Amino acid sequence: MADKDIALMAHLMRRAGFGATYEELETRVAKGYEATVEELLNPESQPAIERDVLMRVQPQWVSQAGIEGQQEEWTFRMINTKRPLEEKIALFWHQILCTGHAKCEYPRQQQIEFDMFRTDGFGNFENLLQGLAKDPAMVFYLDNCMSHKDAINENWGRELLELFSLGVGMDGHANYSEDDVKEAARAFTGWTVTNSIPRYPYGKYEAKFIYDNNDHDEEEKTFLGETGNWNGEDIIKIIAKQPATARFISRHLYNFFVADEPQVPAWENTPPLDPEMIKALEDEYFRSNYDIRSMLRVLFNSDSFKNARFAKVKSPTETVVGTMRLVGDFDTPKPGLNAMVLNIRYMGQDLLNPPTVEGWHTGREWIDSGTLVERINFTADAVGNTSLPGVRNIVNRLGSEGATISSERLVDGCLDMLGAYELAEETRTELVALAQSEGELRTGSEEFAPRVGQMLQSIVATTEYLFN
């Protein structure tokens, strides 16, 4: 069984990042758990990806005109970043504050939105919503550029309340009414974008948010019980102070970082799995003036988080990125990058292109008979490749323990190296028997590396390895 400090650090790095090698875990344990949490929460303390350098070797990423190149770049960033929580928080918001390539006026705008998630996603939630309401990708995606004072489009107003802030309801009660949707939509009339004019040979200019005062509904509005000549900023201010907003954000943080909750549409009539943890996050939301970083600090340092190992099914992105970080592949752009990235799509998560504005259903809904095969094949192929640097490190580390190692140690050592995983006793017994059936484990033999690779493959094919 793995050292308790290593196991806890592995858990933190899977949730607040995309996993870590055993060597990184040892370094972080020496630094300390709370110090590591602070480093993750303050990503600017670590070097950023040098995007200008990447553009020299991947020129197709420059224009950002197609989804494949954008998916490649983001996946590459997640694999190689020194700021794992920065990318994880961008993924968190992308799964909630959704825009999609299938309805995108200019794909580059989504990347600008993700940059906003990276920088503002740790901060004040009200400010994040204000930025989102003026984000050209979102304005176009939810048709607010088609909403006029004499012909209101309710798409943005409805999704702002239902999916981005309040949620339909909580504790068996609705959080807003149809009238609130209409009044919110009225308040956002005149919020539109300029056209992203083509300019060759360098690609389009970026679209910009503009406010058209002549197209704004200046009449009095009543929203969530408050009456005034509200504009969009006022609507968001009213939303941010609602108890329902604190509950909505707290449940999303818990669902993404701690343990799989029921799906979002059930939240109105389904209480949280951990009411005490949700209450602590709600309290911190108001105490910190809606600060997401402060809520995450409470979450990561809580017993609820620390005791929730393997309580979440890995998303496709976590599966692919975590595997690549573990085996040390694609640390530079190279042929095969797109084929690797497409595995995320094949497992059920088409990054930048969610199936609806609701995003993806998570937890056990990530797994079906087809996506399960994709997961096992992908991870087994990677960890069984003993030529990859991360796998070689695992082989060398186990090989340094003596001239021979026991079958039990092979199984437990591989579990440790994969991130302090645990197996049901029946499963572990079967893997020990498999190792014993192959004969003595001599670390200096030519057969040792393939046998380590085989054991790693056997572990990643277990049910337990589906969980984070």
Protein backbone atom coordinates (compact mmCIF):
# COMPACT_ATOMS: atom_id res chain seq x y z
CA MET A 1 0.00 0.00 0.00
CA ALA A 2 1.28 3.47 -0.92
CA ASP A 3 2.58 5.90 1.66
CA LYS A 4 -0.37 7.95 3.00
CA ASP A 5 1.24 11.28 2.12
CA ILE A 6 1.99 10.09 -1.42
CA ALA A 7 -1.56 8.76 -1.80
CA LEU A 8 -3.07 12.06 -0.66
CA MET A 9 -0.80 14.08 -2.94
CA ALA A 10 -1.64 11.82 -5.88
CA HIS A 11 -5.31 12.44 -5.16
CA LEU A 12 -4.80 16.21 -5.07
CA MET A 13 -2.84 16.22 -8.32
CA ARG A 14 -5.45 14.12 -10.12
CA ARG A 15 -8.25 16.46 -9.06
CA ALA A 16 -6.48 19.84 -9.15
CA GLY A 17 -4.53 18.82 -12.24
CA PHE A 18 -4.14 15.80 -14.48
CA GLY A 19 -2.06 13.52 -12.30
CA ALA A 20 1.67 13.41 -11.64
CA THR A 21 4.59 11.03 -11.87
CA TYR A 22 5.83 9.36 -8.70
CA GLU A 23 8.92 11.57 -8.73
CA GLU A 24 6.79 14.72 -8.84
CA LEU A 25 4.63 13.38 -6.02
CA GLU A 26 7.71 12.86 -3.85
CA THR A 27 8.87 16.41 -4.55
CA ARG A 28 5.47 17.84 -3.68
CA VAL A 29 5.15 15.77 -0.50
CA ALA A 30 8.48 17.21 0.62
CA LYS A 31 7.07 20.69 -0.02
CA GLY A 32 3.90 19.91 1.93
CA TYR A 33 0.21 19.53 1.14
CA GLU A 34 -0.97 23.05 2.03
CA ALA A 35 2.01 24.64 0.26
CA THR A 36 1.19 22.62 -2.85
CA VAL A 37 -2.45 23.76 -2.67
CA GLU A 38 -1.30 27.38 -2.55
CA GLU A 39 1.04 26.89 -5.52
CA LEU A 40 -1.79 25.34 -7.54
CA LEU A 41 -4.19 28.15 -6.57
CA ASN A 42 -1.65 30.79 -7.63
CA PRO A 43 -0.51 29.51 -11.04
CA GLU A 44 1.29 32.73 -11.94
CA SER A 45 4.07 31.56 -9.61
CA GLN A 46 5.00 28.96 -12.24
CA PRO A 47 6.18 29.56 -15.83
CA ALA A 48 3.53 29.73 -18.53
CA ILE A 49 3.53 27.77 -21.77
CA GLU A 50 5.54 29.73 -24.36
CA ARG A 51 2.86 29.88 -27.00
CA ASP A 52 4.94 31.96 -29.41
CA VAL A 53 7.50 29.13 -29.51
CA LEU A 54 4.77 26.57 -30.16
CA MET A 55 3.51 28.62 -33.09
CA ARG A 56 6.88 28.18 -34.82
CA VAL A 57 6.61 24.40 -34.81
CA GLN A 58 2.83 24.19 -35.23
CA PRO A 59 1.96 27.02 -37.66
CA GLN A 60 -1.54 25.59 -38.17
CA TRP A 61 -2.31 26.71 -34.61
CA VAL A 62 -1.76 30.36 -35.50
CA SER A 63 -5.01 31.08 -37.35
CA GLN A 64 -7.13 28.89 -35.03
CA ALA A 65 -9.64 28.50 -37.83
CA GLY A 66 -10.55 24.85 -37.26
CA ILE A 67 -11.53 22.71 -34.30
CA GLU A 68 -8.83 20.06 -34.74
CA GLY A 69 -5.94 22.51 -34.35
CA GLN A 70 -7.61 24.12 -31.35
CA GLN A 71 -8.14 20.75 -29.69
CA GLU A 72 -4.49 19.85 -30.36
CA GLU A 73 -3.20 23.05 -28.81
CA TRP A 74 -5.34 22.85 -25.67
CA THR A 75 -4.56 19.17 -25.11
CA PHE A 76 -0.86 19.86 -25.59
CA ARG A 77 -1.08 22.67 -23.02
CA MET A 78 -2.82 20.40 -20.50
CA ILE A 79 -0.16 17.71 -20.95
CA ASN A 80 2.81 20.05 -20.58
CA THR A 81 1.67 22.91 -18.36
CA LYS A 82 3.47 23.80 -15.14
CA ARG A 83 0.17 25.36 -14.07
CA PRO A 84 -2.17 22.34 -13.97
CA LEU A 85 -5.01 23.95 -12.03
CA GLU A 86 -5.07 26.86 -14.48
CA GLU A 87 -5.93 24.44 -17.28
CA LYS A 88 -8.23 22.41 -15.03
CA ILE A 89 -10.24 25.50 -14.07
CA ALA A 90 -10.56 26.41 -17.76
CA LEU A 91 -11.91 22.91 -18.38
CA PHE A 92 -14.26 23.28 -15.41
CA TRP A 93 -15.79 26.49 -16.76
CA HIS A 94 -15.87 25.16 -20.34
CA GLN A 95 -18.11 22.34 -19.09
CA ILE A 96 -20.51 24.83 -17.42
CA LEU A 97 -20.33 28.16 -19.30
CA CYS A 98 -20.55 26.37 -22.64
CA THR A 99 -19.97 27.61 -26.14
CA GLY A 100 -19.58 25.21 -29.04
CA HIS A 101 -17.65 25.05 -32.30
CA ALA A 102 -20.79 23.82 -34.07
CA LYS A 103 -22.20 27.33 -33.64
CA CYS A 104 -19.17 29.56 -33.64
CA GLU A 105 -18.87 32.64 -35.84
CA TYR A 106 -15.05 32.51 -35.65
CA PRO A 107 -13.25 29.71 -33.75
CA ARG A 108 -10.50 32.00 -32.45
CA GLN A 109 -13.15 33.62 -30.22
CA GLN A 110 -13.45 30.43 -28.18
CA GLN A 111 -9.73 30.50 -27.43
CA ILE A 112 -10.08 34.08 -26.22
CA GLU A 113 -12.90 32.88 -23.97
CA PHE A 114 -10.72 30.10 -22.54
CA ASP A 115 -8.00 32.64 -21.81
CA MET A 116 -10.61 34.53 -19.80
CA PHE A 117 -11.40 31.34 -17.88
CA ARG A 118 -7.69 30.87 -17.13
CA THR A 119 -7.25 34.38 -15.76
CA ASP A 120 -10.67 35.24 -14.30
CA GLY A 121 -11.86 31.72 -13.47
CA PHE A 122 -10.19 31.85 -10.04
CA GLY A 123 -11.60 35.23 -9.15
CA ASN A 124 -14.89 36.96 -8.37
CA PHE A 125 -17.80 35.04 -9.89
CA GLU A 126 -19.78 38.20 -10.57
CA ASN A 127 -16.86 39.57 -12.59
CA LEU A 128 -16.59 36.30 -14.50
CA LEU A 129 -20.27 36.50 -15.47
CA GLN A 130 -19.85 40.15 -16.50
CA GLY A 131 -17.00 39.10 -18.77
CA LEU A 132 -18.99 36.19 -20.15
CA ALA A 133 -21.93 38.44 -20.99
CA LYS A 134 -19.59 40.59 -23.11
CA ASP A 135 -17.67 37.66 -24.60
CA PRO A 136 -18.18 37.67 -28.40
CA ALA A 137 -18.14 33.87 -28.53
CA MET A 138 -21.01 33.69 -26.03
CA VAL A 139 -22.94 36.66 -27.45
CA PHE A 140 -22.97 34.92 -30.83
CA TYR A 141 -23.50 31.38 -29.49
CA LEU A 142 -26.61 32.29 -27.50
CA ASP A 143 -27.97 34.79 -30.02
CA ASN A 144 -27.84 37.95 -27.94
CA CYS A 145 -26.62 39.76 -31.05
CA MET A 146 -30.07 38.85 -32.43
CA SER A 147 -31.94 40.30 -29.46
CA HIS A 148 -33.41 43.78 -29.95
CA LYS A 149 -35.62 45.98 -27.81
CA ASP A 150 -38.56 45.44 -30.20
CA ALA A 151 -37.77 41.75 -30.87
CA ILE A 152 -36.28 40.11 -27.80
CA ASN A 153 -34.39 36.81 -28.03
CA GLU A 154 -34.49 34.95 -24.70
CA ASN A 155 -31.68 32.42 -25.30
CA TRP A 156 -28.96 34.21 -23.35
CA GLY A 157 -31.29 35.33 -20.55
CA ARG A 158 -32.64 31.81 -20.11
CA GLU A 159 -29.31 29.99 -20.10
CA LEU A 160 -27.73 32.62 -17.85
CA LEU A 161 -30.28 31.71 -15.19
CA GLU A 162 -30.79 28.00 -15.85
CA LEU A 163 -27.29 26.75 -16.67
CA PHE A 164 -24.75 29.45 -15.79
CA SER A 165 -25.70 30.82 -12.37
CA LEU A 166 -28.88 29.95 -10.46
CA GLY A 167 -30.00 26.58 -11.74
CA VAL A 168 -33.67 25.66 -12.14
CA GLY A 169 -34.25 25.21 -8.43
CA MET A 170 -33.06 23.93 -5.07
CA ASP A 171 -34.66 22.32 -2.01
CA GLY A 172 -37.76 21.56 -4.07
CA HIS A 173 -38.39 25.18 -5.09
CA ALA A 174 -37.87 27.02 -8.36
CA ASN A 175 -35.11 29.64 -8.39
CA TYR A 176 -36.70 31.92 -10.98
CA SER A 177 -39.80 32.32 -13.14
CA GLU A 178 -40.49 32.71 -16.84
CA ASP A 179 -41.05 36.40 -16.16
CA ASP A 180 -37.53 36.62 -14.73
CA VAL A 181 -36.17 35.12 -17.96
CA LYS A 182 -38.02 37.72 -20.03
CA GLU A 183 -36.94 40.61 -17.83
CA ALA A 184 -33.31 39.46 -17.94
CA ALA A 185 -33.46 39.22 -21.73
CA ARG A 186 -34.84 42.77 -21.91
CA ALA A 187 -31.98 44.05 -19.76
CA PHE A 188 -29.39 42.62 -22.18
CA THR A 189 -30.82 44.17 -25.34
CA GLY A 190 -28.23 46.26 -27.14
CA TRP A 191 -25.39 43.94 -26.02
CA THR A 192 -23.95 42.81 -29.31
CA VAL A 193 -20.70 42.34 -31.26
CA THR A 194 -18.88 43.84 -34.19
CA ASN A 195 -18.24 41.65 -37.19
CA SER A 196 -14.87 39.85 -37.31
CA ILE A 197 -13.82 41.30 -40.66
CA PRO A 198 -11.68 39.06 -42.90
CA ARG A 199 -8.15 40.34 -43.39
CA TYR A 200 -5.82 38.32 -45.57
CA PRO A 201 -3.22 36.82 -45.56
CA TYR A 202 -3.19 36.90 -41.75
CA GLY A 203 -6.74 35.78 -40.99
CA LYS A 204 -9.72 37.55 -39.48
CA TYR A 205 -9.72 40.36 -36.99
CA GLU A 206 -11.23 39.41 -33.66
CA ALA A 207 -14.86 40.27 -32.99
CA LYS A 208 -15.44 42.85 -30.27
CA PHE A 209 -18.28 43.47 -27.85
CA ILE A 210 -20.21 46.71 -28.33
CA TYR A 211 -23.18 48.25 -26.55
CA ASP A 212 -25.84 49.76 -28.80
CA ASN A 213 -27.69 52.25 -26.63
CA ASN A 214 -30.30 52.81 -29.33
CA ASP A 215 -31.26 49.11 -29.23
CA HIS A 216 -31.51 48.84 -25.43
CA ASP A 217 -34.86 48.50 -23.63
CA GLU A 218 -34.89 51.46 -21.22
CA GLU A 219 -38.17 50.58 -19.54
CA GLU A 220 -38.51 49.50 -15.91
CA LYS A 221 -37.96 45.80 -15.20
CA THR A 222 -38.72 43.52 -12.24
CA PHE A 223 -36.17 40.75 -11.80
CA LEU A 224 -36.03 38.29 -8.87
CA GLY A 225 -38.24 40.63 -6.88
CA GLU A 226 -36.22 43.81 -7.50
CA THR A 227 -37.57 46.63 -9.68
CA GLY A 228 -35.62 49.27 -11.57
CA ASN A 229 -34.42 50.34 -14.99
CA TRP A 230 -31.98 47.42 -15.01
CA ASN A 231 -29.29 46.81 -17.58
CA GLY A 232 -27.19 43.66 -18.01
CA GLU A 233 -24.68 44.61 -15.32
CA ASP A 234 -27.52 45.09 -12.83
CA ILE A 235 -29.00 41.67 -13.64
CA ILE A 236 -25.67 39.96 -12.94
CA LYS A 237 -25.22 41.89 -9.69
CA ILE A 238 -28.64 40.67 -8.53
CA ILE A 239 -27.84 37.09 -9.60
CA ALA A 240 -24.48 37.02 -7.81
CA LYS A 241 -25.99 37.78 -4.39
CA GLN A 242 -28.60 35.01 -4.52
CA PRO A 243 -28.30 32.01 -2.16
CA ALA A 244 -29.23 29.85 -5.15
CA THR A 245 -26.09 31.04 -6.95
CA ALA A 246 -23.91 30.07 -4.02
CA ARG A 247 -25.53 26.63 -3.96
CA PHE A 248 -25.22 26.21 -7.75
CA ILE A 249 -21.50 27.05 -7.87
CA SER A 250 -20.78 25.00 -4.75
CA ARG A 251 -22.43 21.90 -6.18
CA HIS A 252 -20.57 22.29 -9.45
CA LEU A 253 -17.24 22.62 -7.63
CA TYR A 254 -18.06 19.54 -5.57
CA ASN A 255 -19.17 17.54 -8.62
CA PHE A 256 -16.05 18.43 -10.61
CA PHE A 257 -13.38 18.28 -7.91
CA VAL A 258 -14.69 16.00 -5.15
CA ALA A 259 -17.25 13.33 -6.08
CA ASP A 260 -19.81 12.59 -8.77
CA GLU A 261 -23.16 14.20 -7.97
CA PRO A 262 -26.48 13.44 -9.68
CA GLN A 263 -26.79 15.21 -13.02
CA VAL A 264 -27.55 18.94 -12.91
CA PRO A 265 -31.22 18.71 -14.02
CA ALA A 266 -31.96 16.70 -10.86
CA TRP A 267 -30.57 19.28 -8.45
CA GLU A 268 -33.87 21.08 -7.81
CA ASN A 269 -35.32 18.04 -6.03
CA THR A 270 -32.17 16.09 -5.13
CA PRO A 271 -30.18 17.28 -2.10
CA PRO A 272 -26.37 17.40 -2.20
CA LEU A 273 -24.44 14.24 -1.35
CA ASP A 274 -22.44 16.15 1.27
CA PRO A 275 -24.62 18.95 2.69
CA GLU A 276 -21.99 20.05 5.22
CA MET A 277 -19.33 20.52 2.56
CA ILE A 278 -21.76 22.38 0.30
CA LYS A 279 -22.74 24.64 3.22
CA ALA A 280 -19.06 25.39 3.90
CA LEU A 281 -18.56 26.35 0.26
CA GLU A 282 -21.71 28.50 0.24
CA ASP A 283 -20.52 30.32 3.35
CA GLU A 284 -17.12 30.93 1.77
CA TYR A 285 -18.78 32.23 -1.41
CA PHE A 286 -20.36 35.06 0.56
CA ARG A 287 -17.54 35.54 3.07
CA SER A 288 -14.99 36.02 0.27
CA ASN A 289 -17.22 38.20 -1.92
CA TYR A 290 -17.89 35.42 -4.47
CA ASP A 291 -14.22 34.44 -4.82
CA ILE A 292 -13.68 31.07 -6.52
CA ARG A 293 -10.04 30.74 -5.37
CA SER A 294 -11.14 31.07 -1.75
CA MET A 295 -13.82 28.41 -2.26
CA LEU A 296 -11.27 26.06 -3.80
CA ARG A 297 -8.91 26.61 -0.88
CA VAL A 298 -11.66 25.56 1.52
CA LEU A 299 -12.48 22.59 -0.68
CA PHE A 300 -8.95 21.22 -1.17
CA ASN A 301 -8.11 21.52 2.53
CA SER A 302 -11.32 19.86 3.70
CA ASP A 303 -11.67 16.30 5.00
CA SER A 304 -14.48 15.80 2.51
CA PHE A 305 -12.03 16.29 -0.33
CA LYS A 306 -9.18 14.35 1.23
CA ASN A 307 -11.43 11.36 1.92
CA ALA A 308 -12.98 11.28 -1.56
CA ARG A 309 -10.30 9.26 -3.33
CA PHE A 310 -11.59 7.39 -6.39
CA ALA A 311 -15.10 8.87 -6.01
CA LYS A 312 -15.20 10.28 -9.55
CA VAL A 313 -15.19 8.66 -12.97
CA LYS A 314 -12.41 10.22 -15.05
CA SER A 315 -13.57 12.37 -17.93
CA PRO A 316 -12.17 11.53 -21.38
CA THR A 317 -9.92 14.59 -21.17
CA GLU A 318 -8.57 13.53 -17.78
CA THR A 319 -8.01 10.00 -19.10
CA VAL A 320 -6.00 11.06 -22.15
CA VAL A 321 -4.09 13.96 -20.61
CA GLY A 322 -3.33 12.08 -17.39
CA THR A 323 -2.02 9.11 -19.34
CA MET A 324 0.27 11.27 -21.48
CA ARG A 325 1.64 13.11 -18.45
CA LEU A 326 2.32 9.77 -16.75
CA VAL A 327 4.14 8.12 -19.68
CA GLY A 328 5.97 11.29 -20.73
CA ASP A 329 4.79 11.37 -24.32
CA PHE A 330 4.14 14.46 -26.46
CA ASP A 331 6.31 16.78 -24.43
CA THR A 332 6.95 18.49 -27.78
CA PRO A 333 4.62 18.75 -30.79
CA LYS A 334 5.28 15.87 -33.17
CA PRO A 335 3.54 13.68 -35.75
CA GLY A 336 0.69 11.73 -34.22
CA LEU A 337 -0.50 14.57 -32.02
CA ASN A 338 -3.87 14.85 -33.73
CA ALA A 339 -4.45 11.09 -33.63
CA MET A 340 -3.72 11.12 -29.90
CA VAL A 341 -6.03 14.07 -29.27
CA LEU A 342 -8.89 12.49 -31.20
CA ASN A 343 -9.08 9.78 -28.55
CA ILE A 344 -10.78 12.33 -26.29
CA ARG A 345 -13.54 12.65 -28.89
CA TYR A 346 -13.81 8.90 -29.33
CA MET A 347 -14.26 8.50 -25.58
CA GLY A 348 -17.23 10.87 -25.64
CA GLN A 349 -15.94 14.41 -25.05
CA ASP A 350 -15.48 16.53 -28.15
CA LEU A 351 -13.55 19.42 -26.61
CA LEU A 352 -14.75 22.90 -27.67
CA ASN A 353 -17.89 21.29 -29.07
CA PRO A 354 -20.27 20.11 -26.29
CA PRO A 355 -23.45 18.36 -27.45
CA THR A 356 -25.65 21.20 -26.13
CA VAL A 357 -25.36 24.36 -24.07
CA GLU A 358 -25.93 22.07 -21.07
CA GLY A 359 -22.46 20.64 -21.63
CA TRP A 360 -21.64 17.00 -20.97
CA HIS A 361 -23.29 14.65 -18.51
CA THR A 362 -20.55 13.38 -16.26
CA GLY A 363 -19.82 10.55 -13.84
CA ARG A 364 -20.93 7.10 -14.90
CA GLU A 365 -22.54 8.56 -18.01
CA TRP A 366 -19.02 8.89 -19.44
CA ILE A 367 -18.94 5.10 -19.73
CA ASP A 368 -20.73 2.85 -22.20
CA SER A 369 -19.65 -0.30 -24.01
CA GLY A 370 -17.98 1.68 -26.81
CA THR A 371 -16.20 4.35 -24.79
CA LEU A 372 -15.00 1.76 -22.27
CA VAL A 373 -13.15 -0.11 -25.01
CA GLU A 374 -11.61 3.17 -26.23
CA ARG A 375 -10.39 4.00 -22.71
CA ILE A 376 -8.83 0.59 -22.06
CA ASN A 377 -7.19 0.34 -25.48
CA PHE A 378 -5.72 3.83 -25.27
CA THR A 379 -4.34 3.60 -21.74
CA ALA A 380 -3.08 0.04 -22.16
CA ASP A 381 -1.25 0.89 -25.38
CA ALA A 382 0.45 3.84 -23.68
CA VAL A 383 1.53 2.24 -20.38
CA GLY A 384 2.64 -0.94 -22.14
CA ASN A 385 5.08 0.98 -24.32
CA THR A 386 8.31 0.53 -22.38
CA SER A 387 10.18 2.85 -24.75
CA LEU A 388 8.32 5.89 -23.39
CA PRO A 389 10.31 7.83 -20.76
CA GLY A 390 7.68 7.68 -18.04
CA VAL A 391 7.25 3.93 -18.40
CA ARG A 392 11.04 3.45 -18.47
CA ASN A 393 11.26 5.37 -15.20
CA ILE A 394 8.74 3.00 -13.62
CA VAL A 395 10.69 -0.03 -14.85
CA ASN A 396 13.99 1.40 -13.60
CA ARG A 397 12.56 2.34 -10.22
CA LEU A 398 11.15 -1.13 -9.60
CA GLY A 399 14.31 -2.68 -11.00
CA SER A 400 16.45 -0.79 -8.50
CA GLU A 401 14.84 -2.58 -5.55
CA GLY A 402 17.04 -5.69 -5.86
CA ALA A 403 18.09 -8.55 -8.08
CA THR A 404 14.59 -9.99 -7.85
CA ILE A 405 11.21 -8.73 -6.66
CA SER A 406 8.15 -10.67 -5.58
CA SER A 407 4.95 -10.92 -7.55
CA GLU A 408 3.19 -9.02 -4.77
CA ARG A 409 5.72 -6.22 -5.00
CA LEU A 410 5.33 -6.00 -8.78
CA VAL A 411 1.59 -5.48 -8.39
CA ASP A 412 1.85 -3.04 -5.49
CA GLY A 413 4.78 -1.17 -7.04
CA CYS A 414 2.91 -0.66 -10.29
CA LEU A 415 -0.14 0.56 -8.36
CA ASP A 416 2.06 3.04 -6.52
CA MET A 417 3.71 4.29 -9.72
CA LEU A 418 0.34 4.82 -11.42
CA GLY A 419 -0.69 7.18 -8.62
CA ALA A 420 -1.30 5.15 -5.46
CA TYR A 421 -4.23 3.21 -6.89
CA GLU A 422 -6.03 0.57 -4.86
CA LEU A 423 -7.70 -2.62 -6.09
CA ALA A 424 -10.37 -4.86 -4.67
CA GLU A 425 -8.62 -7.74 -2.90
CA GLU A 426 -10.01 -10.27 -5.37
CA THR A 427 -8.62 -8.27 -8.31
CA ARG A 428 -5.24 -7.84 -6.64
CA THR A 429 -5.05 -11.57 -5.92
CA GLU A 430 -5.71 -12.35 -9.57
CA LEU A 431 -2.96 -9.98 -10.71
CA VAL A 432 -0.49 -11.49 -8.23
CA ALA A 433 -1.35 -14.93 -9.60
CA LEU A 434 -0.80 -13.64 -13.13
CA ALA A 435 2.67 -12.39 -12.18
CA GLN A 436 3.50 -15.65 -10.44
CA SER A 437 2.48 -17.68 -13.49
CA GLU A 438 5.24 -16.01 -15.52
CA GLY A 439 7.98 -17.22 -13.18
CA GLU A 440 10.65 -15.45 -11.16
CA LEU A 441 10.97 -11.68 -11.56
CA ARG A 442 14.67 -11.01 -12.21
CA THR A 443 15.15 -7.26 -12.55
CA GLY A 444 18.25 -7.57 -14.73
CA SER A 445 16.62 -9.83 -17.32
CA GLU A 446 15.35 -8.83 -20.74
CA GLU A 447 11.90 -10.01 -19.71
CA PHE A 448 11.59 -7.64 -16.76
CA ALA A 449 10.53 -4.49 -18.65
CA PRO A 450 7.87 -6.30 -20.72
CA ARG A 451 6.48 -7.89 -17.57
CA VAL A 452 6.24 -4.51 -15.85
CA GLY A 453 4.50 -3.17 -18.95
CA GLN A 454 2.12 -6.12 -18.92
CA MET A 455 1.25 -5.52 -15.29
CA LEU A 456 0.64 -1.82 -15.92
CA GLN A 457 -1.67 -2.77 -18.78
CA SER A 458 -3.55 -5.21 -16.57
CA ILE A 459 -4.09 -2.56 -13.90
CA VAL A 460 -5.36 0.15 -16.27
CA ALA A 461 -7.90 -2.37 -17.62
CA THR A 462 -9.53 -2.75 -14.18
CA THR A 463 -12.74 -1.10 -13.07
CA GLU A 464 -10.86 0.72 -10.31
CA TYR A 465 -8.68 2.59 -12.81
CA LEU A 466 -11.75 4.24 -14.35
CA PHE A 467 -11.95 6.41 -11.24
CA ASN A 468 -9.99 9.50 -10.24
